[in-house]
Amino acid sequence: MLYSLSSLPISHSESFDDSVCQGIINVYPSAKLCVAVAYRPPDATADSFTKLLDSFARVIDDCIPNDYDLFVSGDFNLPQIDWETHQILSGASADSNLSDCDSALIPLL
């Protein structure tokens, strides 16, 4: 859930929920800001997570000008990623599906 000040108007809001991953993305034109919040449970499939990120990407591509700031937050449950280098750590289990979803996540960072 994403709470917003009533004095900060939202020009576009879109939510995603496929019964596995959830997210919401809001566009705030007066602040030139786009805020996305995501939840990916530890057992989420790469397909579900990719669909969530794709829904964010559609809003980002279609609804916000290039001069807007983008803030992405949430609980991604991806401990196998080195968030400094954006690399999958060695020893990550093959069933983690990280290689399938890192290409969708990294462009949003």
N, C-alpha and C. Protein backbone atom coordinates (compact mmCIF):
# COMPACT_ATOMS: atom_id res chain seq x y z
N MET A 1 0.84 -1.16 0.00
CA MET A 1 0.00 0.00 0.00
C MET A 1 0.90 1.24 0.00
N LEU A 2 0.50 2.23 -0.72
CA LEU A 2 1.24 3.48 -0.82
C LEU A 2 0.31 4.62 -0.42
N TYR A 3 0.67 5.30 0.64
CA TYR A 3 -0.13 6.45 1.09
C TYR A 3 0.49 7.73 0.54
N SER A 4 -0.36 8.64 0.10
CA SER A 4 0.09 9.92 -0.46
C SER A 4 -0.64 11.06 0.23
N LEU A 5 0.04 12.18 0.33
CA LEU A 5 -0.60 13.38 0.85
C LEU A 5 -1.71 13.81 -0.09
N SER A 6 -2.83 14.22 0.47
CA SER A 6 -3.92 14.68 -0.38
C SER A 6 -3.54 15.95 -1.14
N SER A 7 -2.57 16.69 -0.62
CA SER A 7 -2.14 17.92 -1.29
C SER A 7 -1.15 17.64 -2.43
N LEU A 8 -0.77 16.39 -2.62
CA LEU A 8 0.15 16.01 -3.70
C LEU A 8 -0.65 15.23 -4.73
N PRO A 9 -1.14 15.91 -5.77
CA PRO A 9 -2.02 15.24 -6.73
C PRO A 9 -1.30 14.15 -7.53
N ILE A 10 -2.05 13.11 -7.83
CA ILE A 10 -1.56 11.97 -8.61
C ILE A 10 -2.18 12.05 -10.00
N SER A 11 -1.34 12.04 -11.03
CA SER A 11 -1.89 12.08 -12.39
C SER A 11 -2.14 10.68 -12.94
N HIS A 12 -1.45 9.70 -12.40
CA HIS A 12 -1.62 8.33 -12.87
C HIS A 12 -1.26 7.38 -11.73
N SER A 13 -2.06 6.36 -11.55
CA SER A 13 -1.78 5.33 -10.54
C SER A 13 -2.16 3.99 -11.13
N GLU A 14 -1.28 3.02 -10.94
CA GLU A 14 -1.56 1.68 -11.45
C GLU A 14 -1.07 0.67 -10.43
N SER A 15 -1.90 -0.32 -10.17
CA SER A 15 -1.51 -1.37 -9.24
C SER A 15 -1.39 -2.70 -9.97
N PHE A 16 -0.63 -3.61 -9.35
CA PHE A 16 -0.42 -4.94 -9.91
C PHE A 16 -0.58 -5.94 -8.78
N ASP A 17 -1.31 -7.02 -9.03
CA ASP A 17 -1.44 -8.10 -8.07
C ASP A 17 -1.83 -9.36 -8.83
N ASP A 18 -0.90 -10.30 -8.90
CA ASP A 18 -1.19 -11.57 -9.56
C ASP A 18 -1.30 -12.71 -8.55
N SER A 19 -1.62 -12.38 -7.31
CA SER A 19 -1.72 -13.31 -6.19
C SER A 19 -0.37 -13.84 -5.73
N VAL A 20 0.72 -13.34 -6.32
CA VAL A 20 2.06 -13.69 -5.88
C VAL A 20 2.81 -12.40 -5.56
N CYS A 21 3.07 -11.59 -6.57
CA CYS A 21 3.74 -10.30 -6.39
C CYS A 21 2.70 -9.18 -6.42
N GLN A 22 3.00 -8.12 -5.68
CA GLN A 22 2.12 -6.96 -5.67
C GLN A 22 2.94 -5.69 -5.85
N GLY A 23 2.31 -4.68 -6.42
CA GLY A 23 2.99 -3.41 -6.57
C GLY A 23 2.02 -2.30 -6.91
N ILE A 24 2.50 -1.09 -6.70
CA ILE A 24 1.74 0.10 -7.09
C ILE A 24 2.74 1.14 -7.56
N ILE A 25 2.34 1.90 -8.55
CA ILE A 25 3.18 2.98 -9.06
C ILE A 25 2.31 4.21 -9.24
N ASN A 26 2.77 5.33 -8.71
CA ASN A 26 2.05 6.61 -8.80
C ASN A 26 2.93 7.65 -9.46
N VAL A 27 2.30 8.54 -10.22
CA VAL A 27 2.99 9.65 -10.86
C VAL A 27 2.49 10.94 -10.23
N TYR A 28 3.44 11.75 -9.75
CA TYR A 28 3.16 13.02 -9.09
C TYR A 28 3.73 14.16 -9.93
N PRO A 29 2.93 14.75 -10.82
CA PRO A 29 3.47 15.76 -11.74
C PRO A 29 3.96 17.03 -11.05
N SER A 30 3.31 17.44 -9.96
CA SER A 30 3.74 18.68 -9.30
C SER A 30 5.12 18.54 -8.67
N ALA A 31 5.53 17.32 -8.38
CA ALA A 31 6.86 17.06 -7.81
C ALA A 31 7.82 16.48 -8.85
N LYS A 32 7.33 16.29 -10.07
CA LYS A 32 8.11 15.63 -11.13
C LYS A 32 8.71 14.33 -10.60
N LEU A 33 7.82 13.49 -10.09
CA LEU A 33 8.24 12.29 -9.38
C LEU A 33 7.34 11.11 -9.73
N CYS A 34 7.95 9.95 -9.84
CA CYS A 34 7.23 8.69 -10.01
C CYS A 34 7.71 7.77 -8.88
N VAL A 35 6.76 7.20 -8.13
CA VAL A 35 7.09 6.34 -7.00
C VAL A 35 6.49 4.95 -7.26
N ALA A 36 7.34 3.93 -7.17
CA ALA A 36 6.91 2.54 -7.34
C ALA A 36 7.27 1.77 -6.08
N VAL A 37 6.31 0.98 -5.59
CA VAL A 37 6.52 0.13 -4.42
C VAL A 37 6.15 -1.29 -4.80
N ALA A 38 7.04 -2.23 -4.46
CA ALA A 38 6.84 -3.62 -4.87
C ALA A 38 7.00 -4.57 -3.69
N TYR A 39 6.30 -5.69 -3.77
CA TYR A 39 6.54 -6.81 -2.85
C TYR A 39 6.69 -8.07 -3.68
N ARG A 40 7.82 -8.74 -3.48
CA ARG A 40 8.11 -10.02 -4.11
C ARG A 40 8.37 -11.02 -2.99
N PRO A 41 7.47 -11.99 -2.77
CA PRO A 41 7.71 -12.97 -1.72
C PRO A 41 8.93 -13.84 -2.05
N PRO A 42 9.55 -14.42 -1.03
CA PRO A 42 10.75 -15.23 -1.28
C PRO A 42 10.55 -16.37 -2.27
N ASP A 43 9.33 -16.91 -2.36
CA ASP A 43 9.09 -18.04 -3.26
C ASP A 43 8.46 -17.63 -4.59
N ALA A 44 8.50 -16.36 -4.92
CA ALA A 44 7.90 -15.89 -6.17
C ALA A 44 8.64 -16.45 -7.37
N THR A 45 7.89 -16.72 -8.41
CA THR A 45 8.51 -17.19 -9.65
C THR A 45 9.09 -16.00 -10.42
N ALA A 46 10.05 -16.29 -11.27
CA ALA A 46 10.61 -15.24 -12.11
C ALA A 46 9.53 -14.64 -13.00
N ASP A 47 8.59 -15.46 -13.46
CA ASP A 47 7.53 -14.98 -14.33
C ASP A 47 6.66 -13.94 -13.63
N SER A 48 6.29 -14.20 -12.40
CA SER A 48 5.46 -13.26 -11.64
C SER A 48 6.21 -11.95 -11.39
N PHE A 49 7.46 -12.05 -10.99
CA PHE A 49 8.25 -10.85 -10.71
C PHE A 49 8.48 -10.04 -11.99
N THR A 50 8.74 -10.72 -13.08
CA THR A 50 8.94 -10.03 -14.36
C THR A 50 7.67 -9.30 -14.79
N LYS A 51 6.51 -9.91 -14.57
CA LYS A 51 5.24 -9.25 -14.91
C LYS A 51 5.05 -7.99 -14.07
N LEU A 52 5.41 -8.05 -12.79
CA LEU A 52 5.32 -6.86 -11.95
C LEU A 52 6.21 -5.76 -12.48
N LEU A 53 7.46 -6.09 -12.77
CA LEU A 53 8.40 -5.09 -13.28
C LEU A 53 7.97 -4.56 -14.64
N ASP A 54 7.42 -5.42 -15.47
CA ASP A 54 6.91 -4.97 -16.77
C ASP A 54 5.77 -3.98 -16.61
N SER A 55 4.92 -4.19 -15.60
CA SER A 55 3.82 -3.24 -15.37
C SER A 55 4.37 -1.89 -14.95
N PHE A 56 5.44 -1.88 -14.14
CA PHE A 56 6.10 -0.63 -13.79
C PHE A 56 6.71 0.02 -15.02
N ALA A 57 7.38 -0.76 -15.83
CA ALA A 57 8.07 -0.22 -17.02
C ALA A 57 7.08 0.42 -17.99
N ARG A 58 5.89 -0.17 -18.13
CA ARG A 58 4.88 0.41 -19.03
C ARG A 58 4.48 1.81 -18.56
N VAL A 59 4.26 1.96 -17.26
CA VAL A 59 3.89 3.27 -16.73
C VAL A 59 5.04 4.25 -16.92
N ILE A 60 6.25 3.81 -16.61
CA ILE A 60 7.42 4.67 -16.75
C ILE A 60 7.59 5.10 -18.20
N ASP A 61 7.45 4.19 -19.13
CA ASP A 61 7.62 4.51 -20.55
C ASP A 61 6.49 5.38 -21.09
N ASP A 62 5.26 5.14 -20.63
CA ASP A 62 4.09 5.79 -21.21
C ASP A 62 3.64 7.06 -20.49
N CYS A 63 3.96 7.19 -19.22
CA CYS A 63 3.31 8.24 -18.43
C CYS A 63 4.23 9.29 -17.84
N ILE A 64 5.53 9.09 -17.86
CA ILE A 64 6.36 10.10 -17.22
C ILE A 64 7.39 10.66 -18.18
N PRO A 65 7.56 11.96 -18.16
CA PRO A 65 8.60 12.60 -18.98
C PRO A 65 9.99 12.23 -18.46
N ASN A 66 10.99 12.44 -19.29
CA ASN A 66 12.37 12.08 -18.94
C ASN A 66 12.92 12.88 -17.77
N ASP A 67 12.37 14.06 -17.48
CA ASP A 67 12.93 14.88 -16.40
C ASP A 67 12.34 14.55 -15.03
N TYR A 68 11.49 13.53 -14.93
CA TYR A 68 10.94 13.11 -13.64
C TYR A 68 11.95 12.21 -12.92
N ASP A 69 11.96 12.31 -11.61
CA ASP A 69 12.75 11.38 -10.79
C ASP A 69 11.93 10.12 -10.59
N LEU A 70 12.64 8.99 -10.46
CA LEU A 70 11.99 7.70 -10.23
C LEU A 70 12.49 7.15 -8.90
N PHE A 71 11.55 6.79 -8.03
CA PHE A 71 11.88 6.19 -6.73
C PHE A 71 11.23 4.82 -6.70
N VAL A 72 12.06 3.76 -6.61
CA VAL A 72 11.58 2.39 -6.53
C VAL A 72 11.96 1.83 -5.17
N SER A 73 10.97 1.29 -4.47
CA SER A 73 11.20 0.76 -3.14
C SER A 73 10.37 -0.51 -2.97
N GLY A 74 10.67 -1.23 -1.91
CA GLY A 74 9.86 -2.40 -1.60
C GLY A 74 10.68 -3.50 -0.98
N ASP A 75 10.05 -4.65 -0.88
CA ASP A 75 10.69 -5.84 -0.35
C ASP A 75 10.84 -6.81 -1.51
N PHE A 76 12.04 -6.89 -2.05
CA PHE A 76 12.29 -7.71 -3.23
C PHE A 76 12.71 -9.13 -2.89
N ASN A 77 13.12 -9.38 -1.64
CA ASN A 77 13.54 -10.72 -1.24
C ASN A 77 14.52 -11.32 -2.24
N LEU A 78 15.56 -10.57 -2.55
CA LEU A 78 16.60 -11.03 -3.48
C LEU A 78 17.97 -10.95 -2.81
N PRO A 79 18.23 -11.78 -1.81
CA PRO A 79 19.51 -11.70 -1.11
C PRO A 79 20.69 -12.16 -1.97
N GLN A 80 20.42 -12.81 -3.09
CA GLN A 80 21.49 -13.31 -3.95
C GLN A 80 22.06 -12.23 -4.88
N ILE A 81 21.61 -10.99 -4.73
CA ILE A 81 22.12 -9.91 -5.58
C ILE A 81 23.05 -9.02 -4.76
N ASP A 82 24.20 -8.70 -5.32
CA ASP A 82 25.07 -7.68 -4.73
C ASP A 82 24.53 -6.35 -5.23
N TRP A 83 23.87 -5.60 -4.35
CA TRP A 83 23.18 -4.37 -4.76
C TRP A 83 24.14 -3.24 -5.10
N GLU A 84 25.39 -3.37 -4.74
CA GLU A 84 26.39 -2.37 -5.12
C GLU A 84 26.80 -2.52 -6.58
N THR A 85 26.98 -3.78 -7.01
CA THR A 85 27.48 -4.03 -8.37
C THR A 85 26.40 -4.51 -9.34
N HIS A 86 25.19 -4.79 -8.80
CA HIS A 86 24.08 -5.31 -9.61
C HIS A 86 24.41 -6.66 -10.22
N GLN A 87 25.19 -7.46 -9.51
CA GLN A 87 25.59 -8.77 -9.99
C GLN A 87 24.95 -9.86 -9.12
N ILE A 88 24.66 -11.00 -9.75
CA ILE A 88 24.19 -12.16 -9.01
C ILE A 88 25.41 -12.79 -8.34
N LEU A 89 25.30 -13.04 -7.04
CA LEU A 89 26.41 -13.58 -6.28
C LEU A 89 26.69 -15.02 -6.67
N SER A 90 27.96 -15.39 -6.64
CA SER A 90 28.30 -16.77 -6.92
C SER A 90 27.71 -17.65 -5.83
N GLY A 91 27.29 -18.83 -6.21
CA GLY A 91 26.67 -19.73 -5.25
C GLY A 91 25.18 -19.57 -5.15
N ALA A 92 24.58 -18.62 -5.88
CA ALA A 92 23.12 -18.48 -5.85
C ALA A 92 22.53 -19.75 -6.45
N SER A 93 21.50 -20.25 -5.83
CA SER A 93 20.93 -21.51 -6.29
C SER A 93 20.30 -21.36 -7.67
N ALA A 94 20.39 -22.41 -8.44
CA ALA A 94 19.85 -22.39 -9.80
C ALA A 94 18.34 -22.19 -9.80
N ASP A 95 17.67 -22.60 -8.72
CA ASP A 95 16.22 -22.46 -8.68
C ASP A 95 15.77 -21.08 -8.23
N SER A 96 16.72 -20.16 -7.99
CA SER A 96 16.34 -18.82 -7.55
C SER A 96 15.75 -17.98 -8.67
N ASN A 97 15.93 -18.40 -9.92
CA ASN A 97 15.38 -17.71 -11.09
C ASN A 97 15.92 -16.30 -11.26
N LEU A 98 17.02 -15.98 -10.62
CA LEU A 98 17.53 -14.61 -10.71
C LEU A 98 17.97 -14.26 -12.11
N SER A 99 18.54 -15.20 -12.82
CA SER A 99 19.00 -14.86 -14.17
C SER A 99 17.84 -14.50 -15.08
N ASP A 100 16.65 -15.00 -14.77
CA ASP A 100 15.48 -14.66 -15.58
C ASP A 100 14.92 -13.29 -15.26
N CYS A 101 15.11 -12.80 -14.03
CA CYS A 101 14.48 -11.53 -13.68
C CYS A 101 15.46 -10.39 -13.53
N ASP A 102 16.77 -10.65 -13.56
CA ASP A 102 17.69 -9.53 -13.39
C ASP A 102 17.64 -8.57 -14.56
N SER A 103 17.35 -9.05 -15.76
CA SER A 103 17.29 -8.15 -16.91
C SER A 103 16.08 -7.23 -16.82
N ALA A 104 15.04 -7.63 -16.09
CA ALA A 104 13.89 -6.77 -15.90
C ALA A 104 14.11 -5.79 -14.76
N LEU A 105 14.87 -6.18 -13.74
CA LEU A 105 15.06 -5.34 -12.57
C LEU A 105 16.11 -4.26 -12.79
N ILE A 106 17.24 -4.62 -13.36
CA ILE A 106 18.37 -3.70 -13.48
C ILE A 106 18.00 -2.40 -14.21
N PRO A 107 17.23 -2.41 -15.29
CA PRO A 107 16.90 -1.12 -15.95
C PRO A 107 16.09 -0.18 -15.05
N LEU A 108 15.41 -0.70 -14.05
CA LEU A 108 14.63 0.16 -13.16
C LEU A 108 15.48 0.75 -12.06
N LEU A 109 16.70 0.23 -11.85
CA LEU A 109 17.55 0.74 -10.77
C LEU A 109 18.22 2.01 -11.14
